[in-house]
Structures are given as structure tokens and as C-alpha cells.
PDB file of N, CA and C in Angstrom:
ATOM      1  N   UNK A   1      -3.675  17.117 -38.270  1.00  0.00           N
ATOM      2  CA  UNK A   1      -4.430  17.003 -37.021  1.00  0.00           C
ATOM      3  C   UNK A   1      -3.578  16.228 -36.009  1.00  0.00           C
ATOM      4  N   UNK A   2      -3.547  16.716 -34.786  1.00  0.00           N
ATOM      5  CA  UNK A   2      -2.766  16.081 -33.721  1.00  0.00           C
ATOM      6  C   UNK A   2      -3.435  14.771 -33.308  1.00  0.00           C
ATOM      7  N   UNK A   3      -2.627  13.837 -32.854  1.00  0.00           N
ATOM      8  CA  UNK A   3      -3.187  12.569 -32.411  1.00  0.00           C
ATOM      9  C   UNK A   3      -3.292  12.541 -30.885  1.00  0.00           C
ATOM     10  N   UNK A   4      -3.817  11.424 -30.397  1.00  0.00           N
ATOM     11  CA  UNK A   4      -4.100  11.279 -28.972  1.00  0.00           C
ATOM     12  C   UNK A   4      -2.867  11.523 -28.102  1.00  0.00           C
ATOM     13  N   UNK A   5      -1.736  10.900 -28.438  1.00  0.00           N
ATOM     14  CA  UNK A   5      -0.559  11.038 -27.576  1.00  0.00           C
ATOM     15  C   UNK A   5      -0.054  12.482 -27.545  1.00  0.00           C
ATOM     16  N   UNK A   6      -0.126  13.195 -28.680  1.00  0.00           N
ATOM     17  CA  UNK A   6       0.296  14.601 -28.709  1.00  0.00           C
ATOM     18  C   UNK A   6      -0.635  15.476 -27.878  1.00  0.00           C
ATOM     19  N   UNK A   7      -1.919  15.188 -27.986  1.00  0.00           N
ATOM     20  CA  UNK A   7      -2.897  15.966 -27.213  1.00  0.00           C
ATOM     21  C   UNK A   7      -2.738  15.697 -25.712  1.00  0.00           C
ATOM     22  N   UNK A   8      -2.452  14.466 -25.366  1.00  0.00           N
ATOM     23  CA  UNK A   8      -2.246  14.124 -23.959  1.00  0.00           C
ATOM     24  C   UNK A   8      -1.045  14.888 -23.412  1.00  0.00           C
ATOM     25  N   UNK A   9       0.034  14.917 -24.167  1.00  0.00           N
ATOM     26  CA  UNK A   9       1.238  15.654 -23.750  1.00  0.00           C
ATOM     27  C   UNK A   9       0.940  17.141 -23.592  1.00  0.00           C
ATOM     28  N   UNK A  10       0.206  17.711 -24.538  1.00  0.00           N
ATOM     29  CA  UNK A  10      -0.133  19.129 -24.482  1.00  0.00           C
ATOM     30  C   UNK A  10      -1.004  19.443 -23.262  1.00  0.00           C
ATOM     31  N   UNK A  11      -1.969  18.596 -23.003  1.00  0.00           N
ATOM     32  CA  UNK A  11      -2.851  18.802 -21.850  1.00  0.00           C
ATOM     33  C   UNK A  11      -2.066  18.702 -20.543  1.00  0.00           C
ATOM     34  N   UNK A  12      -1.163  17.739 -20.451  1.00  0.00           N
ATOM     35  CA  UNK A  12      -0.319  17.612 -19.252  1.00  0.00           C
ATOM     36  C   UNK A  12       0.537  18.874 -19.064  1.00  0.00           C
ATOM     37  N   UNK A  13       1.130  19.352 -20.152  1.00  0.00           N
ATOM     38  CA  UNK A  13       1.973  20.546 -20.070  1.00  0.00           C
ATOM     39  C   UNK A  13       1.156  21.762 -19.661  1.00  0.00           C
ATOM     40  N   UNK A  14      -0.042  21.901 -20.221  1.00  0.00           N
ATOM     41  CA  UNK A  14      -0.895  23.050 -19.875  1.00  0.00           C
ATOM     42  C   UNK A  14      -1.300  23.038 -18.411  1.00  0.00           C
ATOM     43  N   UNK A  15      -1.497  21.863 -17.876  1.00  0.00           N
ATOM     44  CA  UNK A  15      -1.877  21.730 -16.457  1.00  0.00           C
ATOM     45  C   UNK A  15      -0.661  21.718 -15.531  1.00  0.00           C
ATOM     46  N   UNK A  16       0.544  21.663 -16.149  1.00  0.00           N
ATOM     47  CA  UNK A  16       1.779  21.526 -15.366  1.00  0.00           C
ATOM     48  C   UNK A  16       1.660  20.325 -14.428  1.00  0.00           C
ATOM     49  N   UNK A  17       1.244  19.219 -15.027  1.00  0.00           N
ATOM     50  CA  UNK A  17       0.971  17.996 -14.275  1.00  0.00           C
ATOM     51  C   UNK A  17       1.900  16.887 -14.758  1.00  0.00           C
ATOM     52  N   UNK A  18       2.369  16.089 -13.823  1.00  0.00           N
ATOM     53  CA  UNK A  18       3.193  14.932 -14.191  1.00  0.00           C
ATOM     54  C   UNK A  18       2.282  13.734 -14.466  1.00  0.00           C
ATOM     55  N   UNK A  19       2.854  12.720 -15.095  1.00  0.00           N
ATOM     56  CA  UNK A  19       2.109  11.491 -15.345  1.00  0.00           C
ATOM     57  C   UNK A  19       1.698  10.841 -14.024  1.00  0.00           C
ATOM     58  N   UNK A  20       2.560  10.932 -13.027  1.00  0.00           N
ATOM     59  CA  UNK A  20       2.243  10.351 -11.713  1.00  0.00           C
ATOM     60  C   UNK A  20       1.043  11.067 -11.093  1.00  0.00           C
ATOM     61  N   UNK A  21       1.008  12.393 -11.213  1.00  0.00           N
ATOM     62  CA  UNK A  21      -0.138  13.145 -10.686  1.00  0.00           C
ATOM     63  C   UNK A  21      -1.415  12.795 -11.450  1.00  0.00           C
ATOM     64  N   UNK A  22      -1.290  12.686 -12.769  1.00  0.00           N
ATOM     65  CA  UNK A  22      -2.446  12.321 -13.582  1.00  0.00           C
ATOM     66  C   UNK A  22      -2.967  10.947 -13.167  1.00  0.00           C
ATOM     67  N   UNK A  23      -2.072  10.027 -12.933  1.00  0.00           N
ATOM     68  CA  UNK A  23      -2.453   8.693 -12.496  1.00  0.00           C
ATOM     69  C   UNK A  23      -3.192   8.750 -11.164  1.00  0.00           C
ATOM     70  N   UNK A  24      -2.629   9.477 -10.231  1.00  0.00           N
ATOM     71  CA  UNK A  24      -3.212   9.577  -8.890  1.00  0.00           C
ATOM     72  C   UNK A  24      -4.594  10.232  -8.938  1.00  0.00           C
ATOM     73  N   UNK A  25      -4.724  11.308  -9.710  1.00  0.00           N
ATOM     74  CA  UNK A  25      -5.980  12.048  -9.740  1.00  0.00           C
ATOM     75  C   UNK A  25      -7.058  11.377 -10.589  1.00  0.00           C
ATOM     76  N   UNK A  26      -6.637  10.658 -11.622  1.00  0.00           N
ATOM     77  CA  UNK A  26      -7.616  10.041 -12.521  1.00  0.00           C
ATOM     78  C   UNK A  26      -7.974   8.618 -12.105  1.00  0.00           C
ATOM     79  N   UNK A  27      -7.097   7.982 -11.330  1.00  0.00           N
ATOM     80  CA  UNK A  27      -7.336   6.589 -10.961  1.00  0.00           C
ATOM     81  C   UNK A  27      -6.886   5.610 -12.036  1.00  0.00           C
ATOM     82  N   UNK A  28      -6.159   6.107 -13.042  1.00  0.00           N
ATOM     83  CA  UNK A  28      -5.660   5.250 -14.124  1.00  0.00           C
ATOM     84  C   UNK A  28      -4.239   4.832 -13.786  1.00  0.00           C
ATOM     85  N   UNK A  29      -3.938   3.569 -13.970  1.00  0.00           N
ATOM     86  CA  UNK A  29      -2.614   3.021 -13.697  1.00  0.00           C
ATOM     87  C   UNK A  29      -1.535   3.832 -14.416  1.00  0.00           C
ATOM     88  N   UNK A  30      -0.444   4.122 -13.713  1.00  0.00           N
ATOM     89  CA  UNK A  30       0.638   4.913 -14.295  1.00  0.00           C
ATOM     90  C   UNK A  30       1.266   4.220 -15.502  1.00  0.00           C
ATOM     91  N   UNK A  31       1.296   2.914 -15.498  1.00  0.00           N
ATOM     92  CA  UNK A  31       1.820   2.162 -16.643  1.00  0.00           C
ATOM     93  C   UNK A  31       0.977   2.393 -17.889  1.00  0.00           C
ATOM     94  N   UNK A  32      -0.338   2.437 -17.717  1.00  0.00           N
ATOM     95  CA  UNK A  32      -1.229   2.692 -18.854  1.00  0.00           C
ATOM     96  C   UNK A  32      -0.988   4.099 -19.402  1.00  0.00           C
ATOM     97  N   UNK A  33      -0.843   5.064 -18.504  1.00  0.00           N
ATOM     98  CA  UNK A  33      -0.587   6.436 -18.948  1.00  0.00           C
ATOM     99  C   UNK A  33       0.731   6.507 -19.710  1.00  0.00           C
ATOM    100  N   UNK A  34       1.727   5.791 -19.251  1.00  0.00           N
ATOM    101  CA  UNK A  34       3.012   5.742 -19.948  1.00  0.00           C
ATOM    102  C   UNK A  34       2.842   5.193 -21.361  1.00  0.00           C
ATOM    103  N   UNK A  35       2.046   4.150 -21.505  1.00  0.00           N
ATOM    104  CA  UNK A  35       1.797   3.567 -22.821  1.00  0.00           C
ATOM    105  C   UNK A  35       1.026   4.536 -23.726  1.00  0.00           C
ATOM    106  N   UNK A  36       0.098   5.282 -23.158  1.00  0.00           N
ATOM    107  CA  UNK A  36      -0.638   6.291 -23.929  1.00  0.00           C
ATOM    108  C   UNK A  36       0.328   7.361 -24.434  1.00  0.00           C
ATOM    109  N   UNK A  37       1.220   7.799 -23.557  1.00  0.00           N
ATOM    110  CA  UNK A  37       2.168   8.867 -23.918  1.00  0.00           C
ATOM    111  C   UNK A  37       3.138   8.421 -25.004  1.00  0.00           C
ATOM    112  N   UNK A  38       3.458   7.143 -25.041  1.00  0.00           N
ATOM    113  CA  UNK A  38       4.353   6.605 -26.078  1.00  0.00           C
ATOM    114  C   UNK A  38       3.610   6.356 -27.391  1.00  0.00           C
ATOM    115  N   UNK A  39       2.294   6.354 -27.323  1.00  0.00           N
ATOM    116  CA  UNK A  39       1.508   6.053 -28.510  1.00  0.00           C
ATOM    117  C   UNK A  39       1.329   4.569 -28.741  1.00  0.00           C
ATOM    118  N   UNK A  40       1.709   3.761 -27.749  1.00  0.00           N
ATOM    119  CA  UNK A  40       1.600   2.312 -27.885  1.00  0.00           C
ATOM    120  C   UNK A  40       0.147   1.836 -27.783  1.00  0.00           C
ATOM    121  N   UNK A  41      -0.659   2.544 -26.984  1.00  0.00           N
ATOM    122  CA  UNK A  41      -2.058   2.184 -26.788  1.00  0.00           C
ATOM    123  C   UNK A  41      -2.905   3.440 -26.792  1.00  0.00           C
ATOM    124  N   UNK A  42      -4.176   3.262 -27.144  1.00  0.00           N
ATOM    125  CA  UNK A  42      -5.155   4.344 -27.020  1.00  0.00           C
ATOM    126  C   UNK A  42      -6.044   4.000 -25.837  1.00  0.00           C
ATOM    127  N   UNK A  43      -6.506   5.005 -25.159  1.00  0.00           N
ATOM    128  CA  UNK A  43      -7.318   4.806 -23.965  1.00  0.00           C
ATOM    129  C   UNK A  43      -8.699   4.259 -24.304  1.00  0.00           C
ATOM    130  N   UNK A  44      -9.245   3.496 -23.371  1.00  0.00           N
ATOM    131  CA  UNK A  44     -10.633   3.041 -23.489  1.00  0.00           C
ATOM    132  C   UNK A  44     -11.551   4.247 -23.301  1.00  0.00           C
ATOM    133  N   UNK A  45     -12.815   4.089 -23.645  1.00  0.00           N
ATOM    134  CA  UNK A  45     -13.779   5.181 -23.466  1.00  0.00           C
ATOM    135  C   UNK A  45     -13.821   5.621 -22.003  1.00  0.00           C
ATOM    136  N   UNK A  46     -13.831   4.660 -21.103  1.00  0.00           N
ATOM    137  CA  UNK A  46     -13.870   4.976 -19.673  1.00  0.00           C
ATOM    138  C   UNK A  46     -12.641   5.791 -19.261  1.00  0.00           C
ATOM    139  N   UNK A  47     -11.464   5.371 -19.727  1.00  0.00           N
ATOM    140  CA  UNK A  47     -10.249   6.103 -19.366  1.00  0.00           C
ATOM    141  C   UNK A  47     -10.158   7.442 -20.074  1.00  0.00           C
ATOM    142  N   UNK A  48     -10.695   7.543 -21.290  1.00  0.00           N
ATOM    143  CA  UNK A  48     -10.747   8.845 -21.969  1.00  0.00           C
ATOM    144  C   UNK A  48     -11.568   9.837 -21.142  1.00  0.00           C
ATOM    145  N   UNK A  49     -12.681   9.362 -20.613  1.00  0.00           N
ATOM    146  CA  UNK A  49     -13.524  10.217 -19.780  1.00  0.00           C
ATOM    147  C   UNK A  49     -12.775  10.666 -18.533  1.00  0.00           C
ATOM    148  N   UNK A  50     -12.068   9.749 -17.893  1.00  0.00           N
ATOM    149  CA  UNK A  50     -11.305  10.090 -16.689  1.00  0.00           C
ATOM    150  C   UNK A  50     -10.185  11.080 -17.015  1.00  0.00           C
ATOM    151  N   UNK A  51      -9.473  10.836 -18.117  1.00  0.00           N
ATOM    152  CA  UNK A  51      -8.377  11.725 -18.511  1.00  0.00           C
ATOM    153  C   UNK A  51      -8.908  13.119 -18.822  1.00  0.00           C
ATOM    154  N   UNK A  52      -9.964  13.176 -19.620  1.00  0.00           N
ATOM    155  CA  UNK A  52     -10.525  14.471 -20.008  1.00  0.00           C
ATOM    156  C   UNK A  52     -11.006  15.246 -18.787  1.00  0.00           C
ATOM    157  N   UNK A  53     -11.680  14.576 -17.888  1.00  0.00           N
ATOM    158  CA  UNK A  53     -12.173  15.227 -16.676  1.00  0.00           C
ATOM    159  C   UNK A  53     -11.015  15.740 -15.824  1.00  0.00           C
ATOM    160  N   UNK A  54     -10.021  14.907 -15.624  1.00  0.00           N
ATOM    161  CA  UNK A  54      -8.878  15.281 -14.796  1.00  0.00           C
ATOM    162  C   UNK A  54      -8.073  16.419 -15.413  1.00  0.00           C
ATOM    163  N   UNK A  55      -7.930  16.392 -16.735  1.00  0.00           N
ATOM    164  CA  UNK A  55      -7.127  17.406 -17.423  1.00  0.00           C
ATOM    165  C   UNK A  55      -7.946  18.645 -17.799  1.00  0.00           C
ATOM    166  N   UNK A  56      -9.260  18.579 -17.633  1.00  0.00           N
ATOM    167  CA  UNK A  56     -10.105  19.730 -17.945  1.00  0.00           C
ATOM    168  C   UNK A  56     -10.213  20.021 -19.431  1.00  0.00           C
ATOM    169  N   UNK A  57     -10.200  18.959 -20.242  1.00  0.00           N
ATOM    170  CA  UNK A  57     -10.317  19.114 -21.689  1.00  0.00           C
ATOM    171  C   UNK A  57     -11.496  18.294 -22.188  1.00  0.00           C
ATOM    172  N   UNK A  58     -11.906  18.562 -23.419  1.00  0.00           N
ATOM    173  CA  UNK A  58     -13.000  17.774 -23.982  1.00  0.00           C
ATOM    174  C   UNK A  58     -12.457  16.444 -24.487  1.00  0.00           C
ATOM    175  N   UNK A  59     -13.292  15.431 -24.443  1.00  0.00           N
ATOM    176  CA  UNK A  59     -12.905  14.107 -24.940  1.00  0.00           C
ATOM    177  C   UNK A  59     -12.594  14.189 -26.426  1.00  0.00           C
ATOM    178  N   UNK A  60     -13.429  14.896 -27.179  1.00  0.00           N
ATOM    179  CA  UNK A  60     -13.221  14.998 -28.630  1.00  0.00           C
ATOM    180  C   UNK A  60     -11.863  15.630 -28.936  1.00  0.00           C
ATOM    181  N   UNK A  61     -11.522  16.683 -28.209  1.00  0.00           N
ATOM    182  CA  UNK A  61     -10.223  17.322 -28.428  1.00  0.00           C
ATOM    183  C   UNK A  61      -9.091  16.345 -28.108  1.00  0.00           C
ATOM    184  N   UNK A  62      -9.205  15.656 -26.993  1.00  0.00           N
ATOM    185  CA  UNK A  62      -8.170  14.713 -26.569  1.00  0.00           C
ATOM    186  C   UNK A  62      -7.972  13.616 -27.623  1.00  0.00           C
ATOM    187  N   UNK A  63      -9.033  13.241 -28.306  1.00  0.00           N
ATOM    188  CA  UNK A  63      -8.951  12.200 -29.325  1.00  0.00           C
ATOM    189  C   UNK A  63      -8.412  12.733 -30.657  1.00  0.00           C
ATOM    190  N   UNK A  64      -8.217  14.050 -30.749  1.00  0.00           N
ATOM    191  CA  UNK A  64      -7.626  14.616 -31.957  1.00  0.00           C
ATOM    192  C   UNK A  64      -8.574  15.381 -32.854  1.00  0.00           C
ATOM    193  N   UNK A  65      -9.825  15.529 -32.455  1.00  0.00           N
ATOM    194  CA  UNK A  65     -10.793  16.255 -33.285  1.00  0.00           C
ATOM    195  C   UNK A  65     -10.471  17.750 -33.316  1.00  0.00           C
ATOM    196  N   UNK A  66     -10.899  18.396 -34.362  1.00  0.00           N
ATOM    197  CA  UNK A  66     -10.670  19.826 -34.544  1.00  0.00           C
ATOM    198  C   UNK A  66     -11.776  20.600 -33.817  1.00  0.00           C
ATOM    199  N   UNK A  67     -11.701  20.571 -32.502  1.00  0.00           N
ATOM    200  CA  UNK A  67     -12.670  21.247 -31.628  1.00  0.00           C
ATOM    201  C   UNK A  67     -11.884  21.992 -30.555  1.00  0.00           C
ATOM    202  N   UNK A  68     -12.537  22.922 -29.845  1.00  0.00           N
ATOM    203  CA  UNK A  68     -11.820  23.621 -28.771  1.00  0.00           C
ATOM    204  C   UNK A  68     -11.280  22.648 -27.724  1.00  0.00           C
ATOM    205  N   UNK A  69     -10.123  23.012 -27.171  1.00  0.00           N
ATOM    206  CA  UNK A  69      -9.470  22.167 -26.169  1.00  0.00           C
ATOM    207  C   UNK A  69     -10.331  22.004 -24.917  1.00  0.00           C
ATOM    208  N   UNK A  70     -10.845  23.110 -24.446  1.00  0.00           N
ATOM    209  CA  UNK A  70     -11.595  23.084 -23.189  1.00  0.00           C
ATOM    210  C   UNK A  70     -13.081  23.013 -23.465  1.00  0.00           C
ATOM    211  N   UNK A  71     -13.735  22.156 -22.716  1.00  0.00           N
ATOM    212  CA  UNK A  71     -15.177  22.093 -22.837  1.00  0.00           C
ATOM    213  C   UNK A  71     -15.764  23.335 -22.184  1.00  0.00           C
ATOM    214  N   UNK A  72     -16.993  23.629 -22.534  1.00  0.00           N
ATOM    215  CA  UNK A  72     -17.655  24.785 -21.956  1.00  0.00           C
ATOM    216  C   UNK A  72     -17.772  24.602 -20.450  1.00  0.00           C
ATOM    217  N   UNK A  73     -17.479  25.657 -19.744  1.00  0.00           N
ATOM    218  CA  UNK A  73     -17.570  25.599 -18.281  1.00  0.00           C
ATOM    219  C   UNK A  73     -19.039  25.592 -17.876  1.00  0.00           C
ATOM    220  N   UNK A  74     -19.460  24.500 -17.291  1.00  0.00           N
ATOM    221  CA  UNK A  74     -20.833  24.427 -16.819  1.00  0.00           C
ATOM    222  C   UNK A  74     -20.875  24.496 -15.295  1.00  0.00           C
ATOM    223  N   UNK A  75     -19.733  24.339 -14.688  1.00  0.00           N
ATOM    224  CA  UNK A  75     -19.675  24.411 -13.236  1.00  0.00           C
ATOM    225  C   UNK A  75     -18.321  25.001 -12.846  1.00  0.00           C
ATOM    226  N   UNK A  76     -18.241  25.560 -11.655  1.00  0.00           N
ATOM    227  CA  UNK A  76     -16.976  26.162 -11.222  1.00  0.00           C
ATOM    228  C   UNK A  76     -15.882  25.113 -11.025  1.00  0.00           C
ATOM    229  N   UNK A  77     -14.645  25.587 -11.025  1.00  0.00           N
ATOM    230  CA  UNK A  77     -13.510  24.704 -10.761  1.00  0.00           C
ATOM    231  C   UNK A  77     -13.667  24.068  -9.381  1.00  0.00           C
ATOM    232  N   UNK A  78     -13.122  22.887  -9.224  1.00  0.00           N
ATOM    233  CA  UNK A  78     -13.174  22.207  -7.932  1.00  0.00           C
ATOM    234  C   UNK A  78     -12.205  22.857  -6.956  1.00  0.00           C
ATOM    235  N   UNK A  79     -12.618  22.958  -5.714  1.00  0.00           N
ATOM    236  CA  UNK A  79     -11.726  23.446  -4.666  1.00  0.00           C
ATOM    237  C   UNK A  79     -10.719  22.345  -4.342  1.00  0.00           C
ATOM    238  N   UNK A  80      -9.692  22.686  -3.590  1.00  0.00           N
ATOM    239  CA  UNK A  80      -8.693  21.680  -3.203  1.00  0.00           C
ATOM    240  C   UNK A  80      -9.336  20.569  -2.381  1.00  0.00           C
ATOM    241  N   UNK A  81     -10.291  20.914  -1.527  1.00  0.00           N
ATOM    242  CA  UNK A  81     -10.966  19.906  -0.714  1.00  0.00           C
ATOM    243  C   UNK A  81     -11.800  18.979  -1.584  1.00  0.00           C
ATOM    244  N   UNK A  82     -12.473  19.556  -2.607  1.00  0.00           N
ATOM    245  CA  UNK A  82     -13.269  18.733  -3.509  1.00  0.00           C
ATOM    246  C   UNK A  82     -12.375  17.804  -4.331  1.00  0.00           C
ATOM    247  N   UNK A  83     -11.234  18.302  -4.766  1.00  0.00           N
ATOM    248  CA  UNK A  83     -10.287  17.466  -5.509  1.00  0.00           C
ATOM    249  C   UNK A  83      -9.799  16.311  -4.644  1.00  0.00           C
ATOM    250  N   UNK A  84      -9.502  16.613  -3.369  1.00  0.00           N
ATOM    251  CA  UNK A  84      -9.042  15.568  -2.460  1.00  0.00           C
ATOM    252  C   UNK A  84     -10.136  14.529  -2.240  1.00  0.00           C
ATOM    253  N   UNK A  85     -11.367  14.998  -2.061  1.00  0.00           N
ATOM    254  CA  UNK A  85     -12.488  14.087  -1.863  1.00  0.00           C
ATOM    255  C   UNK A  85     -12.668  13.186  -3.080  1.00  0.00           C
ATOM    256  N   UNK A  86     -12.583  13.760  -4.262  1.00  0.00           N
ATOM    257  CA  UNK A  86     -12.716  12.983  -5.491  1.00  0.00           C
ATOM    258  C   UNK A  86     -11.590  11.960  -5.617  1.00  0.00           C
ATOM    259  N   UNK A  87     -10.386  12.370  -5.297  1.00  0.00           N
ATOM    260  CA  UNK A  87      -9.233  11.469  -5.361  1.00  0.00           C
ATOM    261  C   UNK A  87      -9.412  10.296  -4.397  1.00  0.00           C
ATOM    262  N   UNK A  88      -9.830  10.587  -3.172  1.00  0.00           N
ATOM    263  CA  UNK A  88     -10.048   9.528  -2.193  1.00  0.00           C
ATOM    264  C   UNK A  88     -11.166   8.590  -2.640  1.00  0.00           C
ATOM    265  N   UNK A  89     -12.253   9.174  -3.165  1.00  0.00           N
ATOM    266  CA  UNK A  89     -13.392   8.388  -3.620  1.00  0.00           C
ATOM    267  C   UNK A  89     -12.977   7.447  -4.738  1.00  0.00           C
ATOM    268  N   UNK A  90     -12.213   7.944  -5.700  1.00  0.00           N
ATOM    269  CA  UNK A  90     -11.782   7.115  -6.832  1.00  0.00           C
ATOM    270  C   UNK A  90     -10.842   5.995  -6.404  1.00  0.00           C
ATOM    271  N   UNK A  91     -10.198   6.153  -5.275  1.00  0.00           N
ATOM    272  CA  UNK A  91      -9.295   5.128  -4.775  1.00  0.00           C
ATOM    273  C   UNK A  91     -10.012   3.982  -4.090  1.00  0.00           C
ATOM    274  N   UNK A  92     -11.305   4.131  -3.862  1.00  0.00           N
ATOM    275  CA  UNK A  92     -12.082   3.084  -3.204  1.00  0.00           C
ATOM    276  C   UNK A  92     -12.559   2.044  -4.201  1.00  0.00           C
ATOM    277  N   UNK A  93     -12.713   0.799  -3.747  1.00  0.00           N
ATOM    278  CA  UNK A  93     -13.338  -0.205  -4.611  1.00  0.00           C
ATOM    279  C   UNK A  93     -14.799   0.187  -4.867  1.00  0.00           C
ATOM    280  N   UNK A  94     -15.383  -0.336  -5.931  1.00  0.00           N
ATOM    281  CA  UNK A  94     -16.736   0.053  -6.336  1.00  0.00           C
ATOM    282  C   UNK A  94     -17.770  -0.147  -5.227  1.00  0.00           C
ATOM    283  N   UNK A  95     -17.677  -1.245  -4.482  1.00  0.00           N
ATOM    284  CA  UNK A  95     -18.657  -1.482  -3.420  1.00  0.00           C
ATOM    285  C   UNK A  95     -18.554  -0.425  -2.321  1.00  0.00           C
ATOM    286  N   UNK A  96     -17.338   0.016  -2.020  1.00  0.00           N
ATOM    287  CA  UNK A  96     -17.146   1.060  -1.006  1.00  0.00           C
ATOM    288  C   UNK A  96     -17.630   2.416  -1.527  1.00  0.00           C
ATOM    289  N   UNK A  97     -17.449   2.665  -2.842  1.00  0.00           N
ATOM    290  CA  UNK A  97     -17.950   3.906  -3.428  1.00  0.00           C
ATOM    291  C   UNK A  97     -19.463   3.988  -3.267  1.00  0.00           C
ATOM    292  N   UNK A  98     -20.148   2.870  -3.534  1.00  0.00           N
ATOM    293  CA  UNK A  98     -21.608   2.842  -3.389  1.00  0.00           C
ATOM    294  C   UNK A  98     -22.009   3.093  -1.946  1.00  0.00           C
ATOM    295  N   UNK A  99     -21.262   2.512  -1.011  1.00  0.00           N
ATOM    296  CA  UNK A  99     -21.558   2.698   0.406  1.00  0.00           C
ATOM    297  C   UNK A  99     -21.390   4.174   0.797  1.00  0.00           C
ATOM    298  N   UNK A 100     -20.314   4.809   0.333  1.00  0.00           N
ATOM    299  CA  UNK A 100     -20.069   6.219   0.643  1.00  0.00           C
ATOM    300  C   UNK A 100     -21.186   7.091   0.068  1.00  0.00           C
ATOM    301  N   UNK A 101     -21.594   6.813  -1.165  1.00  0.00           N
ATOM    302  CA  UNK A 101     -22.681   7.582  -1.773  1.00  0.00           C
ATOM    303  C   UNK A 101     -23.965   7.467  -0.966  1.00  0.00           C
ATOM    304  N   UNK A 102     -24.276   6.249  -0.531  1.00  0.00           N
ATOM    305  CA  UNK A 102     -25.484   6.056   0.279  1.00  0.00           C
ATOM    306  C   UNK A 102     -25.388   6.808   1.605  1.00  0.00           C
ATOM    307  N   UNK A 103     -24.208   6.811   2.196  1.00  0.00           N
ATOM    308  CA  UNK A 103     -24.008   7.536   3.450  1.00  0.00           C
ATOM    309  C   UNK A 103     -24.190   9.041   3.242  1.00  0.00           C
ATOM    310  N   UNK A 104     -23.664   9.553   2.158  1.00  0.00           N
ATOM    311  CA  UNK A 104     -23.812  10.981   1.860  1.00  0.00           C
ATOM    312  C   UNK A 104     -25.270  11.356   1.615  1.00  0.00           C
ATOM    313  N   UNK A 105     -25.956  10.514   0.864  1.00  0.00           N
ATOM    314  CA  UNK A 105     -27.374  10.757   0.592  1.00  0.00           C
ATOM    315  C   UNK A 105     -28.174  10.754   1.897  1.00  0.00           C
ATOM    316  N   UNK A 106     -27.853   9.809   2.767  1.00  0.00           N
ATOM    317  CA  UNK A 106     -28.548   9.730   4.055  1.00  0.00           C
ATOM    318  C   UNK A 106     -28.256  10.963   4.897  1.00  0.00           C
ATOM    319  N   UNK A 107     -27.000  11.396   4.899  1.00  0.00           N
ATOM    320  CA  UNK A 107     -26.631  12.585   5.670  1.00  0.00           C
ATOM    321  C   UNK A 107     -27.340  13.823   5.140  1.00  0.00           C
ATOM    322  N   UNK A 108     -27.445  13.935   3.838  1.00  0.00           N
ATOM    323  CA  UNK A 108     -28.132  15.090   3.249  1.00  0.00           C
ATOM    324  C   UNK A 108     -29.626  15.060   3.506  1.00  0.00           C
ATOM    325  N   UNK A 109     -30.224  13.885   3.523  1.00  0.00           N
ATOM    326  CA  UNK A 109     -31.670  13.796   3.753  1.00  0.00           C
ATOM    327  C   UNK A 109     -32.012  14.135   5.196  1.00  0.00           C
ATOM    328  N   UNK A 110     -31.140  13.827   6.143  1.00  0.00           N
ATOM    329  CA  UNK A 110     -31.406  14.164   7.535  1.00  0.00           C
ATOM    330  C   UNK A 110     -31.084  15.630   7.823  1.00  0.00           C
ATOM    331  N   UNK A 111     -30.246  16.236   7.019  1.00  0.00           N
ATOM    332  CA  UNK A 111     -29.853  17.652   7.190  1.00  0.00           C
ATOM    333  C   UNK A 111     -31.051  18.567   7.002  1.00  0.00           C
ATOM    334  N   UNK A 112     -31.926  18.247   6.036  1.00  0.00           N
ATOM    335  CA  UNK A 112     -33.043  19.123   5.723  1.00  0.00           C
ATOM    336  C   UNK A 112     -34.240  18.909   6.646  1.00  0.00           C
ATOM    337  N   UNK A 113     -34.156  17.932   7.525  1.00  0.00           N
ATOM    338  CA  UNK A 113     -35.294  17.650   8.421  1.00  0.00           C
ATOM    339  C   UNK A 113     -35.187  18.426   9.686  1.00  0.00           C
TER     340      UNK A 113
END
């Protein structure tokens, strides 16, 4: 059975993504990703979720379980604009993220009126 670092490498190769891109899109420090790739550290649950989401794989697969690589598609792929929005959102501090969410909710509630 493949381990976490091997699965991470495979997922990066399948996405044709660099570690720097993974860092930027997931919000995980590039140094941490480097340590994961070397097998020096395993990701926290929170970072596993971010990695799996960014790479489009299941958490169980990424951890080395004998399950399909890709989770079942429950929603369409993100557009480039949605990816950019997510990247920008993840770059904000938590208090700013909450503020943006409240602003979006307010904008949507006034849209239907």
C-alpha cells in the first residue's frame, strides 16, 4: 500500500501541479508541503482536507487507503473565476473571511427582494 508522501507526489503529477502552486491554492505553507513530500511529516487533519480538496482526491486515498483516488463528483469543477475567488478568500485572515461571508450573504438577501 502506498503511503502519504507517495500519494501526494502522484496527485501532484496527475494535476500537473507544482508544490508552489499547491501551496498557493491550498493555503498551506510551502515548507510544510516540502516536509510532506520528503516524508518527514504527515499532514494534520485540517491540512489533509485542504490538500485533498485542492488536488481533487479523497482524504482516505491520500492517506494511503485502498480506495478510489477521486471522490465521487457531487458538484461540477470550479471555474477559473471560482478558483481565484477561493484562493483570495483563503489568503484572508479568519476575521476578514467572516466579514466577506457576511457581505456575500447580505448581497444575496437583497438580490431576491
